[in-house]
Amino acid sequence: MEFNEKLQELRKRKGLTQEELAEALYVSRTAVSKWESGRGYPNIDSLKAIAKYFAVTVDELLSSDELLTIAEEDQKQKERNLYDLIFGSLDIVTSLLFFLPFFAEKTDIIRSYSLLTFNGVQPYVKALYIVVLLATVVFGILTFALQNCRRWFWMKYKSIISIGFNFALVLLFILSLQPYPSVFIFVLLAVKVVLLLKRQ
């Protein structure tokens, strides 16, 4: 008997609806429905909660193949969360450009400024710096906030969008002859590209 059939049988034996079981396990009814229809498995924590709730062992709920599938999926999820944390952190770190003296202004002597105090470029260029930098930081915060989002668009493109923001910043700083912020953002971009290549 497969896991989905066992779960259905255990639930019906207790006289519970999917909604009631979902409430007892602190998950959504959709999750219970997905598990019972065989379209997915619970994560390790939910699996332990199910075993405890029905007073059975995890081994009684799953075959060895199913257990292996769940363990692999759980490992992949942990890896995705780790990469999200790293990418989100790197995007948020770009906010240091607002406060640290990365921008140089050439007069008789070279002076360095933070972005907030820097006036060595045209106002529209500075505005462009600020807009792209803020977008990068906001995207980093979104990456943290939407860690458990499973929408296909988000799953597929979040890393590419993050890299795109960094690439835009590097290009912008190079074109406006700002070497220090260019190098800083380039290093963050290189770390992301290496992580992305390693993941695939």
C-alpha atoms as a PDB file:
ATOM      1  CA  MET A   1       0.000   0.000   0.000  1.00  0.00           C
ATOM      2  CA  GLU A   2       1.348   3.425  -0.982  1.00  0.00           C
ATOM      3  CA  PHE A   3       1.713   6.363   1.414  1.00  0.00           C
ATOM      4  CA  ASN A   4      -1.276   8.246  -0.034  1.00  0.00           C
ATOM      5  CA  GLU A   5      -3.564   5.233   0.502  1.00  0.00           C
ATOM      6  CA  LYS A   6      -2.264   4.688   4.042  1.00  0.00           C
ATOM      7  CA  LEU A   7      -2.823   8.337   4.929  1.00  0.00           C
ATOM      8  CA  GLN A   8      -6.359   8.249   3.545  1.00  0.00           C
ATOM      9  CA  GLU A   9      -7.127   5.082   5.457  1.00  0.00           C
ATOM     10  CA  LEU A  10      -5.733   6.453   8.747  1.00  0.00           C
ATOM     11  CA  ARG A  11      -7.697   9.677   8.339  1.00  0.00           C
ATOM     12  CA  LYS A  12     -10.956   7.885   7.573  1.00  0.00           C
ATOM     13  CA  ARG A  13     -10.461   5.484  10.485  1.00  0.00           C
ATOM     14  CA  LYS A  14     -10.359   8.499  12.789  1.00  0.00           C
ATOM     15  CA  GLY A  15     -13.421   9.958  11.076  1.00  0.00           C
ATOM     16  CA  LEU A  16     -11.629  13.146  10.016  1.00  0.00           C
ATOM     17  CA  THR A  17     -12.106  15.339   7.002  1.00  0.00           C
ATOM     18  CA  GLN A  18      -9.066  16.595   5.084  1.00  0.00           C
ATOM     19  CA  GLU A  19      -9.726  20.019   6.589  1.00  0.00           C
ATOM     20  CA  GLU A  20      -9.687  18.643  10.152  1.00  0.00           C
ATOM     21  CA  LEU A  21      -6.501  16.678   9.547  1.00  0.00           C
ATOM     22  CA  ALA A  22      -4.866  19.759   8.034  1.00  0.00           C
ATOM     23  CA  GLU A  23      -5.755  21.784  11.140  1.00  0.00           C
ATOM     24  CA  ALA A  24      -4.375  19.076  13.430  1.00  0.00           C
ATOM     25  CA  LEU A  25      -1.090  18.984  11.499  1.00  0.00           C
ATOM     26  CA  TYR A  26      -0.876  22.786  11.021  1.00  0.00           C
ATOM     27  CA  VAL A  27      -0.773  22.519   7.231  1.00  0.00           C
ATOM     28  CA  SER A  28      -3.154  23.588   4.474  1.00  0.00           C
ATOM     29  CA  ARG A  29      -6.041  21.416   3.273  1.00  0.00           C
ATOM     30  CA  THR A  30      -4.447  21.598  -0.178  1.00  0.00           C
ATOM     31  CA  ALA A  31      -1.311  19.914   1.207  1.00  0.00           C
ATOM     32  CA  VAL A  32      -3.346  17.034   2.663  1.00  0.00           C
ATOM     33  CA  SER A  33      -5.270  16.722  -0.593  1.00  0.00           C
ATOM     34  CA  LYS A  34      -2.001  16.607  -2.553  1.00  0.00           C
ATOM     35  CA  TRP A  35      -0.565  13.910  -0.286  1.00  0.00           C
ATOM     36  CA  GLU A  36      -3.709  11.783  -0.452  1.00  0.00           C
ATOM     37  CA  SER A  37      -3.961  12.022  -4.238  1.00  0.00           C
ATOM     38  CA  GLY A  38      -0.351  10.860  -4.615  1.00  0.00           C
ATOM     39  CA  ARG A  39       0.801  14.154  -6.174  1.00  0.00           C
ATOM     40  CA  GLY A  40       3.484  14.733  -3.551  1.00  0.00           C
ATOM     41  CA  TYR A  41       4.899  13.802  -0.193  1.00  0.00           C
ATOM     42  CA  PRO A  42       5.104  15.734   3.066  1.00  0.00           C
ATOM     43  CA  ASN A  43       8.467  17.037   4.219  1.00  0.00           C
ATOM     44  CA  ILE A  44      10.291  15.267   7.050  1.00  0.00           C
ATOM     45  CA  ASP A  45       8.760  17.470   9.779  1.00  0.00           C
ATOM     46  CA  SER A  46       5.200  16.945   8.500  1.00  0.00           C
ATOM     47  CA  LEU A  47       5.873  13.238   8.178  1.00  0.00           C
ATOM     48  CA  LYS A  48       6.935  13.055  11.832  1.00  0.00           C
ATOM     49  CA  ALA A  49       3.820  15.013  12.816  1.00  0.00           C
ATOM     50  CA  ILE A  50       1.599  12.575  10.851  1.00  0.00           C
ATOM     51  CA  ALA A  51       3.283   9.553  12.475  1.00  0.00           C
ATOM     52  CA  LYS A  52       2.895  11.074  15.939  1.00  0.00           C
ATOM     53  CA  TYR A  53      -0.723  12.111  15.348  1.00  0.00           C
ATOM     54  CA  PHE A  54      -1.776   8.621  14.220  1.00  0.00           C
ATOM     55  CA  ALA A  55       0.545   6.848  16.725  1.00  0.00           C
ATOM     56  CA  VAL A  56       2.411   4.916  14.034  1.00  0.00           C
ATOM     57  CA  THR A  57       6.063   4.811  13.008  1.00  0.00           C
ATOM     58  CA  VAL A  58       7.417   6.541   9.915  1.00  0.00           C
ATOM     59  CA  ASP A  59       8.395   3.088   8.611  1.00  0.00           C
ATOM     60  CA  GLU A  60       4.746   2.016   8.778  1.00  0.00           C
ATOM     61  CA  LEU A  61       3.747   5.033   6.692  1.00  0.00           C
ATOM     62  CA  LEU A  62       6.357   4.729   3.968  1.00  0.00           C
ATOM     63  CA  SER A  63       8.123   2.166   1.863  1.00  0.00           C
ATOM     64  CA  SER A  64      11.912   2.490   1.654  1.00  0.00           C
ATOM     65  CA  ASP A  65      11.633   4.024  -1.851  1.00  0.00           C
ATOM     66  CA  GLU A  66       9.147   6.626  -0.638  1.00  0.00           C
ATOM     67  CA  LEU A  67      11.360   7.458   2.334  1.00  0.00           C
ATOM     68  CA  LEU A  68      14.322   7.921   0.000  1.00  0.00           C
ATOM     69  CA  THR A  69      12.258  10.196  -2.265  1.00  0.00           C
ATOM     70  CA  ILE A  70      11.204  12.348   0.687  1.00  0.00           C
ATOM     71  CA  ALA A  71      14.765  12.556   2.036  1.00  0.00           C
ATOM     72  CA  GLU A  72      16.072  13.620  -1.391  1.00  0.00           C
ATOM     73  CA  GLU A  73      13.348  16.244  -1.813  1.00  0.00           C
ATOM     74  CA  ASP A  74      13.971  17.542   1.712  1.00  0.00           C
ATOM     75  CA  GLN A  75      17.701  17.852   0.946  1.00  0.00           C
ATOM     76  CA  LYS A  76      16.970  19.736  -2.288  1.00  0.00           C
ATOM     77  CA  GLN A  77      14.642  22.086  -0.406  1.00  0.00           C
ATOM     78  CA  LYS A  78      17.332  22.814   2.196  1.00  0.00           C
ATOM     79  CA  GLU A  79      19.828  23.564  -0.584  1.00  0.00           C
ATOM     80  CA  ARG A  80      17.351  25.903  -2.320  1.00  0.00           C
ATOM     81  CA  ASN A  81      16.760  27.724   0.978  1.00  0.00           C
ATOM     82  CA  LEU A  82      20.514  28.076   1.540  1.00  0.00           C
ATOM     83  CA  TYR A  83      21.034  29.525  -1.946  1.00  0.00           C
ATOM     84  CA  ASP A  84      18.110  31.905  -1.387  1.00  0.00           C
ATOM     85  CA  LEU A  85      19.688  33.074   1.874  1.00  0.00           C
ATOM     86  CA  ILE A  86      23.033  33.681   0.177  1.00  0.00           C
ATOM     87  CA  PHE A  87      21.562  35.464  -2.860  1.00  0.00           C
ATOM     88  CA  GLY A  88      19.248  37.568  -0.682  1.00  0.00           C
ATOM     89  CA  SER A  89      22.113  38.497   1.648  1.00  0.00           C
ATOM     90  CA  LEU A  90      24.366  39.494  -1.258  1.00  0.00           C
ATOM     91  CA  ASP A  91      21.601  41.699  -2.696  1.00  0.00           C
ATOM     92  CA  ILE A  92      21.052  43.378   0.661  1.00  0.00           C
ATOM     93  CA  VAL A  93      24.817  43.892   1.111  1.00  0.00           C
ATOM     94  CA  THR A  94      24.766  46.197  -1.939  1.00  0.00           C
ATOM     95  CA  SER A  95      23.031  48.733   0.336  1.00  0.00           C
ATOM     96  CA  LEU A  96      26.503  49.404   1.824  1.00  0.00           C
ATOM     97  CA  LEU A  97      27.115  51.632  -1.199  1.00  0.00           C
ATOM     98  CA  PHE A  98      24.678  54.133   0.319  1.00  0.00           C
ATOM     99  CA  PHE A  99      26.834  54.524   3.429  1.00  0.00           C
ATOM    100  CA  LEU A 100      30.473  53.554   2.718  1.00  0.00           C
ATOM    101  CA  PRO A 101      32.860  55.824   0.767  1.00  0.00           C
ATOM    102  CA  PHE A 102      33.082  53.902  -2.526  1.00  0.00           C
ATOM    103  CA  PHE A 103      32.537  56.842  -4.873  1.00  0.00           C
ATOM    104  CA  ALA A 104      35.466  59.014  -5.935  1.00  0.00           C
ATOM    105  CA  GLU A 105      35.296  62.626  -7.026  1.00  0.00           C
ATOM    106  CA  LYS A 106      38.292  64.060  -8.850  1.00  0.00           C
ATOM    107  CA  THR A 107      39.195  67.636  -8.062  1.00  0.00           C
ATOM    108  CA  ASP A 108      42.700  68.792  -7.013  1.00  0.00           C
ATOM    109  CA  ILE A 109      42.757  65.645  -4.886  1.00  0.00           C
ATOM    110  CA  ILE A 110      40.659  62.510  -5.064  1.00  0.00           C
ATOM    111  CA  ARG A 111      37.968  62.473  -2.390  1.00  0.00           C
ATOM    112  CA  SER A 112      35.747  59.509  -1.629  1.00  0.00           C
ATOM    113  CA  TYR A 113      32.066  59.674  -0.714  1.00  0.00           C
ATOM    114  CA  SER A 114      29.162  57.416   0.055  1.00  0.00           C
ATOM    115  CA  LEU A 115      26.371  57.417  -2.504  1.00  0.00           C
ATOM    116  CA  LEU A 116      24.195  59.580  -0.249  1.00  0.00           C
ATOM    117  CA  THR A 117      26.797  62.383  -0.156  1.00  0.00           C
ATOM    118  CA  PHE A 118      28.250  61.909  -3.660  1.00  0.00           C
ATOM    119  CA  ASN A 119      27.725  64.706  -6.218  1.00  0.00           C
ATOM    120  CA  GLY A 120      30.420  63.893  -8.786  1.00  0.00           C
ATOM    121  CA  VAL A 121      27.968  62.845 -11.518  1.00  0.00           C
ATOM    122  CA  GLN A 122      24.923  64.340 -13.194  1.00  0.00           C
ATOM    123  CA  PRO A 123      21.779  64.210 -11.013  1.00  0.00           C
ATOM    124  CA  TYR A 124      20.032  61.802 -13.431  1.00  0.00           C
ATOM    125  CA  VAL A 125      23.005  59.377 -13.200  1.00  0.00           C
ATOM    126  CA  LYS A 126      22.912  59.499  -9.404  1.00  0.00           C
ATOM    127  CA  ALA A 127      19.136  58.928  -9.541  1.00  0.00           C
ATOM    128  CA  LEU A 128      19.759  55.898 -11.770  1.00  0.00           C
ATOM    129  CA  TYR A 129      22.327  54.564  -9.262  1.00  0.00           C
ATOM    130  CA  ILE A 130      19.795  54.935  -6.458  1.00  0.00           C
ATOM    131  CA  VAL A 131      16.889  53.346  -8.369  1.00  0.00           C
ATOM    132  CA  VAL A 132      18.846  50.249  -9.478  1.00  0.00           C
ATOM    133  CA  LEU A 133      20.500  49.907  -6.068  1.00  0.00           C
ATOM    134  CA  LEU A 134      17.163  50.166  -4.231  1.00  0.00           C
ATOM    135  CA  ALA A 135      15.615  47.637  -6.638  1.00  0.00           C
ATOM    136  CA  THR A 136      18.477  45.238  -5.875  1.00  0.00           C
ATOM    137  CA  VAL A 137      18.058  45.621  -2.106  1.00  0.00           C
ATOM    138  CA  VAL A 138      14.264  45.241  -2.310  1.00  0.00           C
ATOM    139  CA  PHE A 139      14.719  42.117  -4.439  1.00  0.00           C
ATOM    140  CA  GLY A 140      17.069  40.720  -1.771  1.00  0.00           C
ATOM    141  CA  ILE A 141      14.415  41.315   0.894  1.00  0.00           C
ATOM    142  CA  LEU A 142      11.810  39.626  -1.365  1.00  0.00           C
ATOM    143  CA  THR A 143      14.115  36.629  -1.760  1.00  0.00           C
ATOM    144  CA  PHE A 144      14.087  36.214   2.032  1.00  0.00           C
ATOM    145  CA  ALA A 145      10.344  36.808   2.313  1.00  0.00           C
ATOM    146  CA  LEU A 146       9.385  34.408  -0.502  1.00  0.00           C
ATOM    147  CA  GLN A 147      11.680  31.543   0.456  1.00  0.00           C
ATOM    148  CA  ASN A 148       8.808  29.089   0.522  1.00  0.00           C
ATOM    149  CA  CYS A 149       7.139  30.367  -2.651  1.00  0.00           C
ATOM    150  CA  ARG A 150       6.750  27.549  -5.186  1.00  0.00           C
ATOM    151  CA  ARG A 151       5.407  29.511  -8.170  1.00  0.00           C
ATOM    152  CA  TRP A 152       7.221  28.296 -11.295  1.00  0.00           C
ATOM    153  CA  PHE A 153       8.143  31.824 -12.457  1.00  0.00           C
ATOM    154  CA  TRP A 154       9.720  32.707  -9.103  1.00  0.00           C
ATOM    155  CA  MET A 155      11.526  29.356  -8.824  1.00  0.00           C
ATOM    156  CA  LYS A 156      12.910  29.608 -12.344  1.00  0.00           C
ATOM    157  CA  TYR A 157      13.887  33.277 -12.607  1.00  0.00           C
ATOM    158  CA  LYS A 158      14.725  34.632  -9.126  1.00  0.00           C
ATOM    159  CA  SER A 159      18.463  33.888  -9.455  1.00  0.00           C
ATOM    160  CA  ILE A 160      18.601  35.298 -12.978  1.00  0.00           C
ATOM    161  CA  ILE A 161      16.839  38.507 -11.900  1.00  0.00           C
ATOM    162  CA  SER A 162      19.233  38.897  -8.957  1.00  0.00           C
ATOM    163  CA  ILE A 163      22.246  38.454 -11.254  1.00  0.00           C
ATOM    164  CA  GLY A 164      20.656  40.862 -13.744  1.00  0.00           C
ATOM    165  CA  PHE A 165      20.434  43.623 -11.122  1.00  0.00           C
ATOM    166  CA  ASN A 166      24.119  43.137 -10.220  1.00  0.00           C
ATOM    167  CA  PHE A 167      25.129  43.132 -13.871  1.00  0.00           C
ATOM    168  CA  ALA A 168      23.188  46.377 -14.445  1.00  0.00           C
ATOM    169  CA  LEU A 169      24.948  47.990 -11.476  1.00  0.00           C
ATOM    170  CA  VAL A 170      28.411  46.902 -12.632  1.00  0.00           C
ATOM    171  CA  LEU A 171      27.718  48.219 -16.126  1.00  0.00           C
ATOM    172  CA  LEU A 172      26.351  51.494 -14.780  1.00  0.00           C
ATOM    173  CA  PHE A 173      29.363  52.071 -12.509  1.00  0.00           C
ATOM    174  CA  ILE A 174      31.864  51.165 -15.251  1.00  0.00           C
ATOM    175  CA  LEU A 175      30.201  53.495 -17.763  1.00  0.00           C
ATOM    176  CA  SER A 176      30.257  56.344 -15.249  1.00  0.00           C
ATOM    177  CA  LEU A 177      33.932  55.659 -14.406  1.00  0.00           C
ATOM    178  CA  GLN A 178      33.431  54.570 -10.788  1.00  0.00           C
ATOM    179  CA  PRO A 179      35.980  51.757 -10.267  1.00  0.00           C
ATOM    180  CA  TYR A 180      35.457  51.022  -6.550  1.00  0.00           C
ATOM    181  CA  PRO A 181      31.711  50.340  -6.610  1.00  0.00           C
ATOM    182  CA  SER A 182      32.239  48.476  -9.914  1.00  0.00           C
ATOM    183  CA  VAL A 183      34.731  46.099  -8.292  1.00  0.00           C
ATOM    184  CA  PHE A 184      32.578  45.694  -5.165  1.00  0.00           C
ATOM    185  CA  ILE A 185      29.458  44.741  -7.138  1.00  0.00           C
ATOM    186  CA  PHE A 186      31.496  42.634  -9.577  1.00  0.00           C
ATOM    187  CA  VAL A 187      32.766  40.505  -6.670  1.00  0.00           C
ATOM    188  CA  LEU A 188      29.161  39.953  -5.479  1.00  0.00           C
ATOM    189  CA  LEU A 189      28.150  39.113  -9.061  1.00  0.00           C
ATOM    190  CA  ALA A 190      31.029  36.615  -9.423  1.00  0.00           C
ATOM    191  CA  VAL A 191      30.015  34.845  -6.185  1.00  0.00           C
ATOM    192  CA  LYS A 192      26.432  34.499  -7.462  1.00  0.00           C
ATOM    193  CA  VAL A 193      27.524  33.169 -10.859  1.00  0.00           C
ATOM    194  CA  VAL A 194      29.825  30.591  -9.219  1.00  0.00           C
ATOM    195  CA  LEU A 195      27.013  29.462  -6.898  1.00  0.00           C
ATOM    196  CA  LEU A 196      24.565  29.234  -9.795  1.00  0.00           C
ATOM    197  CA  LEU A 197      26.993  27.140 -11.863  1.00  0.00           C
ATOM    198  CA  LYS A 198      27.748  24.917  -8.870  1.00  0.00           C
ATOM    199  CA  ARG A 199      24.041  24.320  -8.263  1.00  0.00           C
ATOM    200  CA  GLN A 200      23.527  23.112 -11.819  1.00  0.00           C
END
